[in-house]
Amino acid sequence: ESHYQLSRKEMAQLLGISEGTIKSRLHRARARMEQLLK
């Protein structure tokens, strides 16, 4: 998302998973990053 600037749809195609799973993983990744940064 950040470096390659792919859309959720493109990421879903690339990884072979649903857009909902992409959205969920992004949410969890950001939450973990927030914890680490704090």
PDB file of all heavy atoms in Angstrom:
ATOM      1  N   GLU A   1       0.821  -1.210   0.000  1.00  0.00           N
ATOM      2  CA  GLU A   1       0.000   0.000   0.000  1.00  0.00           C
ATOM      3  C   GLU A   1       0.858   1.265   0.000  1.00  0.00           C
ATOM      4  O   GLU A   1       0.675   2.152  -0.829  1.00  0.00           O
ATOM      5  CB  GLU A   1      -0.929   0.020   1.213  1.00  0.00           C
ATOM      6  CG  GLU A   1      -1.806   1.267   1.238  1.00  0.00           C
ATOM      7  CD  GLU A   1      -2.602   1.396   2.517  1.00  0.00           C
ATOM      8  OE1 GLU A   1      -2.017   1.322   3.619  1.00  0.00           O
ATOM      9  OE2 GLU A   1      -3.817   1.587   2.401  1.00  0.00           O
ATOM     10  N   SER A   2       1.820   1.334   0.923  1.00  0.00           N
ATOM     11  CA  SER A   2       2.563   2.583   1.077  1.00  0.00           C
ATOM     12  C   SER A   2       3.671   2.762   0.047  1.00  0.00           C
ATOM     13  O   SER A   2       3.809   3.838  -0.522  1.00  0.00           O
ATOM     14  CB  SER A   2       3.144   2.688   2.481  1.00  0.00           C
ATOM     15  OG  SER A   2       4.066   1.647   2.708  1.00  0.00           O
ATOM     16  N   HIS A   3       4.443   1.728  -0.207  1.00  0.00           N
ATOM     17  CA  HIS A   3       5.566   1.888  -1.137  1.00  0.00           C
ATOM     18  C   HIS A   3       5.143   1.730  -2.592  1.00  0.00           C
ATOM     19  O   HIS A   3       5.516   2.513  -3.445  1.00  0.00           O
ATOM     20  CB  HIS A   3       6.687   0.898  -0.802  1.00  0.00           C
ATOM     21  CG  HIS A   3       7.884   1.072  -1.678  1.00  0.00           C
ATOM     22  ND1 HIS A   3       8.733   2.144  -1.552  1.00  0.00           N
ATOM     23  CD2 HIS A   3       8.355   0.331  -2.709  1.00  0.00           C
ATOM     24  CE1 HIS A   3       9.685   2.049  -2.463  1.00  0.00           C
ATOM     25  NE2 HIS A   3       9.480   0.956  -3.181  1.00  0.00           N
ATOM     26  N   TYR A   4       4.354   0.690  -2.861  1.00  0.00           N
ATOM     27  CA  TYR A   4       3.969   0.414  -4.245  1.00  0.00           C
ATOM     28  C   TYR A   4       2.661   1.079  -4.638  1.00  0.00           C
ATOM     29  O   TYR A   4       2.266   1.060  -5.789  1.00  0.00           O
ATOM     30  CB  TYR A   4       3.892  -1.097  -4.477  1.00  0.00           C
ATOM     31  CG  TYR A   4       5.242  -1.741  -4.330  1.00  0.00           C
ATOM     32  CD1 TYR A   4       5.586  -2.446  -3.191  1.00  0.00           C
ATOM     33  CD2 TYR A   4       6.202  -1.617  -5.321  1.00  0.00           C
ATOM     34  CE1 TYR A   4       6.836  -3.026  -3.048  1.00  0.00           C
ATOM     35  CE2 TYR A   4       7.453  -2.187  -5.184  1.00  0.00           C
ATOM     36  CZ  TYR A   4       7.762  -2.892  -4.046  1.00  0.00           C
ATOM     37  OH  TYR A   4       9.006  -3.451  -3.910  1.00  0.00           O
ATOM     38  N   GLN A   5       1.977   1.658  -3.672  1.00  0.00           N
ATOM     39  CA  GLN A   5       0.738   2.404  -3.870  1.00  0.00           C
ATOM     40  C   GLN A   5      -0.309   1.603  -4.646  1.00  0.00           C
ATOM     41  O   GLN A   5      -0.983   2.114  -5.523  1.00  0.00           O
ATOM     42  CB  GLN A   5       1.029   3.740  -4.555  1.00  0.00           C
ATOM     43  CG  GLN A   5       1.943   4.607  -3.715  1.00  0.00           C
ATOM     44  CD  GLN A   5       2.345   5.890  -4.393  1.00  0.00           C
ATOM     45  OE1 GLN A   5       2.169   6.069  -5.587  1.00  0.00           O
ATOM     46  NE2 GLN A   5       2.900   6.803  -3.618  1.00  0.00           N
ATOM     47  N   LEU A   6      -0.435   0.327  -4.275  1.00  0.00           N
ATOM     48  CA  LEU A   6      -1.455  -0.513  -4.890  1.00  0.00           C
ATOM     49  C   LEU A   6      -2.779  -0.308  -4.169  1.00  0.00           C
ATOM     50  O   LEU A   6      -2.814  -0.075  -2.961  1.00  0.00           O
ATOM     51  CB  LEU A   6      -1.066  -1.992  -4.805  1.00  0.00           C
ATOM     52  CG  LEU A   6       0.190  -2.431  -5.561  1.00  0.00           C
ATOM     53  CD1 LEU A   6       0.367  -3.942  -5.442  1.00  0.00           C
ATOM     54  CD2 LEU A   6       0.143  -2.024  -7.021  1.00  0.00           C
ATOM     55  N   SER A   7      -3.844  -0.398  -4.922  1.00  0.00           N
ATOM     56  CA  SER A   7      -5.183  -0.305  -4.327  1.00  0.00           C
ATOM     57  C   SER A   7      -5.486  -1.616  -3.614  1.00  0.00           C
ATOM     58  O   SER A   7      -4.799  -2.626  -3.803  1.00  0.00           O
ATOM     59  CB  SER A   7      -6.222  -0.058  -5.426  1.00  0.00           C
ATOM     60  OG  SER A   7      -6.321  -1.209  -6.253  1.00  0.00           O
ATOM     61  N   ARG A   8      -6.545  -1.610  -2.820  1.00  0.00           N
ATOM     62  CA  ARG A   8      -6.952  -2.854  -2.139  1.00  0.00           C
ATOM     63  C   ARG A   8      -7.307  -3.925  -3.160  1.00  0.00           C
ATOM     64  O   ARG A   8      -7.006  -5.101  -2.970  1.00  0.00           O
ATOM     65  CB  ARG A   8      -8.125  -2.587  -1.206  1.00  0.00           C
ATOM     66  CG  ARG A   8      -7.719  -1.789   0.009  1.00  0.00           C
ATOM     67  CD  ARG A   8      -8.880  -1.552   0.933  1.00  0.00           C
ATOM     68  NE  ARG A   8      -8.452  -0.702   2.022  1.00  0.00           N
ATOM     69  CZ  ARG A   8      -9.254   0.069   2.718  1.00  0.00           C
ATOM     70  NH1 ARG A   8     -10.545   0.065   2.472  1.00  0.00           N
ATOM     71  NH2 ARG A   8      -8.790   0.814   3.680  1.00  0.00           N
ATOM     72  N   LYS A   9      -7.928  -3.526  -4.234  1.00  0.00           N
ATOM     73  CA  LYS A   9      -8.303  -4.473  -5.280  1.00  0.00           C
ATOM     74  C   LYS A   9      -7.042  -5.094  -5.903  1.00  0.00           C
ATOM     75  O   LYS A   9      -6.991  -6.310  -6.113  1.00  0.00           O
ATOM     76  CB  LYS A   9      -9.133  -3.771  -6.355  1.00  0.00           C
ATOM     77  CG  LYS A   9      -9.606  -4.674  -7.455  1.00  0.00           C
ATOM     78  CD  LYS A   9     -10.479  -3.935  -8.445  1.00  0.00           C
ATOM     79  CE  LYS A   9     -10.970  -4.892  -9.524  1.00  0.00           C
ATOM     80  NZ  LYS A   9     -11.868  -4.226 -10.463  1.00  0.00           N
ATOM     81  N   GLU A  10      -6.054  -4.269  -6.202  1.00  0.00           N
ATOM     82  CA  GLU A  10      -4.812  -4.779  -6.787  1.00  0.00           C
ATOM     83  C   GLU A  10      -4.077  -5.698  -5.809  1.00  0.00           C
ATOM     84  O   GLU A  10      -3.525  -6.727  -6.201  1.00  0.00           O
ATOM     85  CB  GLU A  10      -3.901  -3.620  -7.206  1.00  0.00           C
ATOM     86  CG  GLU A  10      -4.399  -2.857  -8.417  1.00  0.00           C
ATOM     87  CD  GLU A  10      -3.578  -1.612  -8.712  1.00  0.00           C
ATOM     88  OE1 GLU A  10      -3.198  -0.890  -7.759  1.00  0.00           O
ATOM     89  OE2 GLU A  10      -3.315  -1.368  -9.907  1.00  0.00           O
ATOM     90  N   MET A  11      -4.072  -5.313  -4.524  1.00  0.00           N
ATOM     91  CA  MET A  11      -3.428  -6.168  -3.522  1.00  0.00           C
ATOM     92  C   MET A  11      -4.145  -7.513  -3.429  1.00  0.00           C
ATOM     93  O   MET A  11      -3.503  -8.558  -3.307  1.00  0.00           O
ATOM     94  CB  MET A  11      -3.407  -5.482  -2.154  1.00  0.00           C
ATOM     95  CG  MET A  11      -2.371  -4.394  -2.036  1.00  0.00           C
ATOM     96  SD  MET A  11      -2.210  -3.785  -0.340  1.00  0.00           S
ATOM     97  CE  MET A  11      -3.527  -2.591  -0.288  1.00  0.00           C
ATOM     98  N   ALA A  12      -5.473  -7.490  -3.476  1.00  0.00           N
ATOM     99  CA  ALA A  12      -6.250  -8.724  -3.403  1.00  0.00           C
ATOM    100  C   ALA A  12      -5.910  -9.634  -4.584  1.00  0.00           C
ATOM    101  O   ALA A  12      -5.726 -10.843  -4.416  1.00  0.00           O
ATOM    102  CB  ALA A  12      -7.741  -8.407  -3.378  1.00  0.00           C
ATOM    103  N   GLN A  13      -5.790  -9.044  -5.774  1.00  0.00           N
ATOM    104  CA  GLN A  13      -5.407  -9.824  -6.952  1.00  0.00           C
ATOM    105  C   GLN A  13      -4.002 -10.387  -6.804  1.00  0.00           C
ATOM    106  O   GLN A  13      -3.761 -11.556  -7.083  1.00  0.00           O
ATOM    107  CB  GLN A  13      -5.466  -8.956  -8.214  1.00  0.00           C
ATOM    108  CG  GLN A  13      -6.858  -8.588  -8.657  1.00  0.00           C
ATOM    109  CD  GLN A  13      -6.850  -7.601  -9.811  1.00  0.00           C
ATOM    110  OE1 GLN A  13      -5.870  -6.899 -10.050  1.00  0.00           O
ATOM    111  NE2 GLN A  13      -7.955  -7.543 -10.538  1.00  0.00           N
ATOM    112  N   LEU A  14      -3.084  -9.561  -6.356  1.00  0.00           N
ATOM    113  CA  LEU A  14      -1.685  -9.964  -6.210  1.00  0.00           C
ATOM    114  C   LEU A  14      -1.523 -11.098  -5.203  1.00  0.00           C
ATOM    115  O   LEU A  14      -0.818 -12.069  -5.452  1.00  0.00           O
ATOM    116  CB  LEU A  14      -0.835  -8.759  -5.784  1.00  0.00           C
ATOM    117  CG  LEU A  14       0.625  -9.011  -5.445  1.00  0.00           C
ATOM    118  CD1 LEU A  14       1.405  -9.372  -6.702  1.00  0.00           C
ATOM    119  CD2 LEU A  14       1.239  -7.800  -4.797  1.00  0.00           C
ATOM    120  N   LEU A  15      -2.202 -10.987  -4.064  1.00  0.00           N
ATOM    121  CA  LEU A  15      -2.043 -11.965  -2.988  1.00  0.00           C
ATOM    122  C   LEU A  15      -3.031 -13.124  -3.071  1.00  0.00           C
ATOM    123  O   LEU A  15      -2.897 -14.097  -2.321  1.00  0.00           O
ATOM    124  CB  LEU A  15      -2.178 -11.261  -1.626  1.00  0.00           C
ATOM    125  CG  LEU A  15      -1.156 -10.152  -1.357  1.00  0.00           C
ATOM    126  CD1 LEU A  15      -1.448  -9.464  -0.029  1.00  0.00           C
ATOM    127  CD2 LEU A  15       0.250 -10.692  -1.383  1.00  0.00           C
ATOM    128  N   GLY A  16      -4.023 -13.007  -3.934  1.00  0.00           N
ATOM    129  CA  GLY A  16      -4.995 -14.082  -4.092  1.00  0.00           C
ATOM    130  C   GLY A  16      -5.940 -14.224  -2.907  1.00  0.00           C
ATOM    131  O   GLY A  16      -6.335 -15.331  -2.543  1.00  0.00           O
ATOM    132  N   ILE A  17      -6.286 -13.091  -2.299  1.00  0.00           N
ATOM    133  CA  ILE A  17      -7.212 -13.095  -1.172  1.00  0.00           C
ATOM    134  C   ILE A  17      -8.269 -12.018  -1.415  1.00  0.00           C
ATOM    135  O   ILE A  17      -8.133 -11.200  -2.322  1.00  0.00           O
ATOM    136  CB  ILE A  17      -6.483 -12.864   0.180  1.00  0.00           C
ATOM    137  CG1 ILE A  17      -5.668 -11.567   0.162  1.00  0.00           C
ATOM    138  CG2 ILE A  17      -5.589 -14.041   0.522  1.00  0.00           C
ATOM    139  CD1 ILE A  17      -4.944 -11.261   1.450  1.00  0.00           C
ATOM    140  N   SER A  18      -9.308 -12.000  -0.594  1.00  0.00           N
ATOM    141  CA  SER A  18     -10.402 -11.042  -0.800  1.00  0.00           C
ATOM    142  C   SER A  18     -10.010  -9.632  -0.359  1.00  0.00           C
ATOM    143  O   SER A  18      -9.089  -9.449   0.449  1.00  0.00           O
ATOM    144  CB  SER A  18     -11.636 -11.484  -0.021  1.00  0.00           C
ATOM    145  OG  SER A  18     -11.436 -11.301   1.367  1.00  0.00           O
ATOM    146  N   GLU A  19     -10.735  -8.657  -0.892  1.00  0.00           N
ATOM    147  CA  GLU A  19     -10.502  -7.271  -0.496  1.00  0.00           C
ATOM    148  C   GLU A  19     -10.811  -7.074   0.988  1.00  0.00           C
ATOM    149  O   GLU A  19     -10.159  -6.260   1.652  1.00  0.00           O
ATOM    150  CB  GLU A  19     -11.349  -6.314  -1.348  1.00  0.00           C
ATOM    151  CG  GLU A  19     -10.837  -6.166  -2.758  1.00  0.00           C
ATOM    152  CD  GLU A  19     -11.614  -5.130  -3.556  1.00  0.00           C
ATOM    153  OE1 GLU A  19     -11.653  -3.947  -3.133  1.00  0.00           O
ATOM    154  OE2 GLU A  19     -12.178  -5.507  -4.596  1.00  0.00           O
ATOM    155  N   GLY A  20     -11.791  -7.802   1.507  1.00  0.00           N
ATOM    156  CA  GLY A  20     -12.119  -7.722   2.929  1.00  0.00           C
ATOM    157  C   GLY A  20     -10.946  -8.172   3.793  1.00  0.00           C
ATOM    158  O   GLY A  20     -10.669  -7.580   4.839  1.00  0.00           O
ATOM    159  N   THR A  21     -10.258  -9.221   3.355  1.00  0.00           N
ATOM    160  CA  THR A  21      -9.086  -9.705   4.088  1.00  0.00           C
ATOM    161  C   THR A  21      -7.971  -8.663   4.035  1.00  0.00           C
ATOM    162  O   THR A  21      -7.285  -8.431   5.034  1.00  0.00           O
ATOM    163  CB  THR A  21      -8.603 -11.050   3.511  1.00  0.00           C
ATOM    164  OG1 THR A  21      -9.688 -11.985   3.591  1.00  0.00           O
ATOM    165  CG2 THR A  21      -7.406 -11.584   4.260  1.00  0.00           C
ATOM    166  N   ILE A  22      -7.821  -8.019   2.887  1.00  0.00           N
ATOM    167  CA  ILE A  22      -6.816  -6.948   2.746  1.00  0.00           C
ATOM    168  C   ILE A  22      -7.143  -5.832   3.735  1.00  0.00           C
ATOM    169  O   ILE A  22      -6.264  -5.352   4.470  1.00  0.00           O
ATOM    170  CB  ILE A  22      -6.786  -6.391   1.306  1.00  0.00           C
ATOM    171  CG1 ILE A  22      -6.293  -7.446   0.311  1.00  0.00           C
ATOM    172  CG2 ILE A  22      -5.937  -5.117   1.223  1.00  0.00           C
ATOM    173  CD1 ILE A  22      -4.858  -7.866   0.466  1.00  0.00           C
ATOM    174  N   LYS A  23      -8.388  -5.417   3.771  1.00  0.00           N
ATOM    175  CA  LYS A  23      -8.817  -4.336   4.670  1.00  0.00           C
ATOM    176  C   LYS A  23      -8.540  -4.711   6.124  1.00  0.00           C
ATOM    177  O   LYS A  23      -8.021  -3.902   6.901  1.00  0.00           O
ATOM    178  CB  LYS A  23     -10.304  -4.043   4.454  1.00  0.00           C
ATOM    179  CG  LYS A  23     -10.807  -2.857   5.197  1.00  0.00           C
ATOM    180  CD  LYS A  23     -12.265  -2.570   4.842  1.00  0.00           C
ATOM    181  CE  LYS A  23     -12.787  -1.384   5.616  1.00  0.00           C
ATOM    182  NZ  LYS A  23     -14.186  -1.095   5.283  1.00  0.00           N
ATOM    183  N   SER A  24      -8.864  -5.942   6.491  1.00  0.00           N
ATOM    184  CA  SER A  24      -8.649  -6.429   7.853  1.00  0.00           C
ATOM    185  C   SER A  24      -7.156  -6.444   8.202  1.00  0.00           C
ATOM    186  O   SER A  24      -6.747  -6.007   9.282  1.00  0.00           O
ATOM    187  CB  SER A  24      -9.245  -7.823   7.988  1.00  0.00           C
ATOM    188  OG  SER A  24      -8.918  -8.389   9.223  1.00  0.00           O
ATOM    189  N   ARG A  25      -6.329  -6.968   7.285  1.00  0.00           N
ATOM    190  CA  ARG A  25      -4.881  -7.024   7.539  1.00  0.00           C
ATOM    191  C   ARG A  25      -4.286  -5.631   7.664  1.00  0.00           C
ATOM    192  O   ARG A  25      -3.414  -5.400   8.509  1.00  0.00           O
ATOM    193  CB  ARG A  25      -4.173  -7.802   6.429  1.00  0.00           C
ATOM    194  CG  ARG A  25      -4.402  -9.293   6.535  1.00  0.00           C
ATOM    195  CD  ARG A  25      -3.620 -10.042   5.486  1.00  0.00           C
ATOM    196  NE  ARG A  25      -3.910 -11.465   5.555  1.00  0.00           N
ATOM    197  CZ  ARG A  25      -3.389 -12.367   4.747  1.00  0.00           C
ATOM    198  NH1 ARG A  25      -2.539 -12.006   3.796  1.00  0.00           N
ATOM    199  NH2 ARG A  25      -3.704 -13.646   4.869  1.00  0.00           N
ATOM    200  N   LEU A  26      -4.734  -4.703   6.820  1.00  0.00           N
ATOM    201  CA  LEU A  26      -4.237  -3.326   6.919  1.00  0.00           C
ATOM    202  C   LEU A  26      -4.613  -2.715   8.268  1.00  0.00           C
ATOM    203  O   LEU A  26      -3.785  -2.049   8.907  1.00  0.00           O
ATOM    204  CB  LEU A  26      -4.791  -2.466   5.772  1.00  0.00           C
ATOM    205  CG  LEU A  26      -4.122  -2.641   4.418  1.00  0.00           C
ATOM    206  CD1 LEU A  26      -4.930  -1.937   3.328  1.00  0.00           C
ATOM    207  CD2 LEU A  26      -2.693  -2.093   4.453  1.00  0.00           C
ATOM    208  N   HIS A  27      -5.853  -2.933   8.691  1.00  0.00           N
ATOM    209  CA  HIS A  27      -6.297  -2.404   9.980  1.00  0.00           C
ATOM    210  C   HIS A  27      -5.446  -2.960  11.121  1.00  0.00           C
ATOM    211  O   HIS A  27      -4.971  -2.216  11.989  1.00  0.00           O
ATOM    212  CB  HIS A  27      -7.777  -2.732  10.205  1.00  0.00           C
ATOM    213  CG  HIS A  27      -8.277  -2.330  11.546  1.00  0.00           C
ATOM    214  ND1 HIS A  27      -8.541  -1.019  11.876  1.00  0.00           N
ATOM    215  CD2 HIS A  27      -8.533  -3.064  12.664  1.00  0.00           C
ATOM    216  CE1 HIS A  27      -8.937  -0.956  13.148  1.00  0.00           C
ATOM    217  NE2 HIS A  27      -8.946  -2.189  13.635  1.00  0.00           N
ATOM    218  N   ARG A  28      -5.229  -4.273  11.126  1.00  0.00           N
ATOM    219  CA  ARG A  28      -4.433  -4.906  12.178  1.00  0.00           C
ATOM    220  C   ARG A  28      -2.974  -4.475  12.119  1.00  0.00           C
ATOM    221  O   ARG A  28      -2.345  -4.277  13.163  1.00  0.00           O
ATOM    222  CB  ARG A  28      -4.548  -6.422  12.079  1.00  0.00           C
ATOM    223  CG  ARG A  28      -5.928  -6.920  12.465  1.00  0.00           C
ATOM    224  CD  ARG A  28      -6.037  -8.416  12.363  1.00  0.00           C
ATOM    225  NE  ARG A  28      -7.388  -8.830  12.723  1.00  0.00           N
ATOM    226  CZ  ARG A  28      -8.013  -9.842  12.188  1.00  0.00           C
ATOM    227  NH1 ARG A  28      -7.413 -10.603  11.283  1.00  0.00           N
ATOM    228  NH2 ARG A  28      -9.244 -10.141  12.558  1.00  0.00           N
ATOM    229  N   ALA A  29      -2.447  -4.327  10.907  1.00  0.00           N
ATOM    230  CA  ALA A  29      -1.050  -3.890  10.763  1.00  0.00           C
ATOM    231  C   ALA A  29      -0.876  -2.473  11.317  1.00  0.00           C
ATOM    232  O   ALA A  29       0.082  -2.190  12.036  1.00  0.00           O
ATOM    233  CB  ALA A  29      -0.639  -3.937   9.296  1.00  0.00           C
ATOM    234  N   ARG A  30      -1.819  -1.610  11.006  1.00  0.00           N
ATOM    235  CA  ARG A  30      -1.733  -0.228  11.506  1.00  0.00           C
ATOM    236  C   ARG A  30      -1.871  -0.188  13.026  1.00  0.00           C
ATOM    237  O   ARG A  30      -1.181   0.584  13.699  1.00  0.00           O
ATOM    238  CB  ARG A  30      -2.813   0.623  10.847  1.00  0.00           C
ATOM    239  CG  ARG A  30      -2.535   0.891   9.389  1.00  0.00           C
ATOM    240  CD  ARG A  30      -3.625   1.741   8.762  1.00  0.00           C
ATOM    241  NE  ARG A  30      -3.421   1.869   7.347  1.00  0.00           N
ATOM    242  CZ  ARG A  30      -4.349   1.626   6.434  1.00  0.00           C
ATOM    243  NH1 ARG A  30      -5.576   1.284   6.795  1.00  0.00           N
ATOM    244  NH2 ARG A  30      -4.082   1.760   5.160  1.00  0.00           N
ATOM    245  N   ALA A  31      -2.754  -1.019  13.571  1.00  0.00           N
ATOM    246  CA  ALA A  31      -2.934  -1.065  15.026  1.00  0.00           C
ATOM    247  C   ALA A  31      -1.651  -1.538  15.706  1.00  0.00           C
ATOM    248  O   ALA A  31      -1.232  -0.970  16.724  1.00  0.00           O
ATOM    249  CB  ALA A  31      -4.104  -1.987  15.388  1.00  0.00           C
ATOM    250  N   ARG A  32      -1.010  -2.554  15.144  1.00  0.00           N
ATOM    251  CA  ARG A  32       0.259  -3.037  15.718  1.00  0.00           C
ATOM    252  C   ARG A  32       1.347  -1.984  15.606  1.00  0.00           C
ATOM    253  O   ARG A  32       2.143  -1.819  16.527  1.00  0.00           O
ATOM    254  CB  ARG A  32       0.710  -4.316  15.022  1.00  0.00           C
ATOM    255  CG  ARG A  32      -0.117  -5.501  15.435  1.00  0.00           C
ATOM    256  CD  ARG A  32       0.747  -6.716  15.556  1.00  0.00           C
ATOM    257  NE  ARG A  32      -0.076  -7.856  15.884  1.00  0.00           N
ATOM    258  CZ  ARG A  32       0.278  -9.091  15.674  1.00  0.00           C
ATOM    259  NH1 ARG A  32       1.435  -9.352  15.130  1.00  0.00           N
ATOM    260  NH2 ARG A  32      -0.509 -10.076  16.013  1.00  0.00           N
ATOM    261  N   MET A  33       1.388  -1.301  14.475  1.00  0.00           N
ATOM    262  CA  MET A  33       2.383  -0.234  14.304  1.00  0.00           C
ATOM    263  C   MET A  33       2.165   0.866  15.339  1.00  0.00           C
ATOM    264  O   MET A  33       3.124   1.378  15.907  1.00  0.00           O
ATOM    265  CB  MET A  33       2.314   0.343  12.884  1.00  0.00           C
ATOM    266  CG  MET A  33       2.962  -0.513  11.837  1.00  0.00           C
ATOM    267  SD  MET A  33       4.742  -0.735  12.077  1.00  0.00           S
ATOM    268  CE  MET A  33       5.319   0.940  11.840  1.00  0.00           C
ATOM    269  N   GLU A  34       0.918   1.202  15.575  1.00  0.00           N
ATOM    270  CA  GLU A  34       0.612   2.233  16.572  1.00  0.00           C
ATOM    271  C   GLU A  34       1.109   1.798  17.946  1.00  0.00           C
ATOM    272  O   GLU A  34       1.713   2.589  18.678  1.00  0.00           O
ATOM    273  CB  GLU A  34      -0.892   2.504  16.600  1.00  0.00           C
ATOM    274  CG  GLU A  34      -1.268   3.667  17.490  1.00  0.00           C
ATOM    275  CD  GLU A  34      -2.756   4.001  17.409  1.00  0.00           C
ATOM    276  OE1 GLU A  34      -3.436   3.559  16.479  1.00  0.00           O
ATOM    277  OE2 GLU A  34      -3.213   4.723  18.318  1.00  0.00           O
ATOM    278  N   GLN A  35       0.903   0.526  18.294  1.00  0.00           N
ATOM    279  CA  GLN A  35       1.395   0.006  19.573  1.00  0.00           C
ATOM    280  C   GLN A  35       2.920   0.082  19.643  1.00  0.00           C
ATOM    281  O   GLN A  35       3.472   0.504  20.662  1.00  0.00           O
ATOM    282  CB  GLN A  35       0.960  -1.449  19.765  1.00  0.00           C
ATOM    283  CG  GLN A  35      -0.504  -1.633  20.041  1.00  0.00           C
ATOM    284  CD  GLN A  35      -0.884  -3.107  20.111  1.00  0.00           C
ATOM    285  OE1 GLN A  35      -0.317  -3.931  19.418  1.00  0.00           O
ATOM    286  NE2 GLN A  35      -1.864  -3.412  20.954  1.00  0.00           N
ATOM    287  N   LEU A  36       3.574  -0.334  18.586  1.00  0.00           N
ATOM    288  CA  LEU A  36       5.043  -0.319  18.568  1.00  0.00           C
ATOM    289  C   LEU A  36       5.583   1.108  18.665  1.00  0.00           C
ATOM    290  O   LEU A  36       6.551   1.365  19.385  1.00  0.00           O
ATOM    291  CB  LEU A  36       5.560  -1.001  17.295  1.00  0.00           C
ATOM    292  CG  LEU A  36       5.396  -2.514  17.237  1.00  0.00           C
ATOM    293  CD1 LEU A  36       5.683  -3.029  15.827  1.00  0.00           C
ATOM    294  CD2 LEU A  36       6.276  -3.198  18.262  1.00  0.00           C
ATOM    295  N   LEU A  37       4.957   2.018  17.956  1.00  0.00           N
ATOM    296  CA  LEU A  37       5.412   3.411  17.980  1.00  0.00           C
ATOM    297  C   LEU A  37       5.201   4.059  19.348  1.00  0.00           C
ATOM    298  O   LEU A  37       5.958   4.944  19.741  1.00  0.00           O
ATOM    299  CB  LEU A  37       4.716   4.220  16.879  1.00  0.00           C
ATOM    300  CG  LEU A  37       5.154   3.865  15.459  1.00  0.00           C
ATOM    301  CD1 LEU A  37       4.226   4.524  14.436  1.00  0.00           C
ATOM    302  CD2 LEU A  37       6.590   4.270  15.214  1.00  0.00           C
ATOM    303  N   LYS A  38       4.179   3.615  20.060  1.00  0.00           N
ATOM    304  CA  LYS A  38       3.925   4.128  21.401  1.00  0.00           C
ATOM    305  C   LYS A  38       4.781   3.424  22.442  1.00  0.00           C
ATOM    306  O   LYS A  38       4.733   3.768  23.620  1.00  0.00           O
ATOM    307  CB  LYS A  38       2.447   3.976  21.769  1.00  0.00           C
ATOM    308  CG  LYS A  38       1.537   4.913  21.006  1.00  0.00           C
ATOM    309  CD  LYS A  38       0.103   4.698  21.435  1.00  0.00           C
ATOM    310  CE  LYS A  38      -0.830   5.670  20.728  1.00  0.00           C
ATOM    311  NZ  LYS A  38      -2.229   5.456  21.124  1.00  0.00           N
TER     312      LYS A  38
END
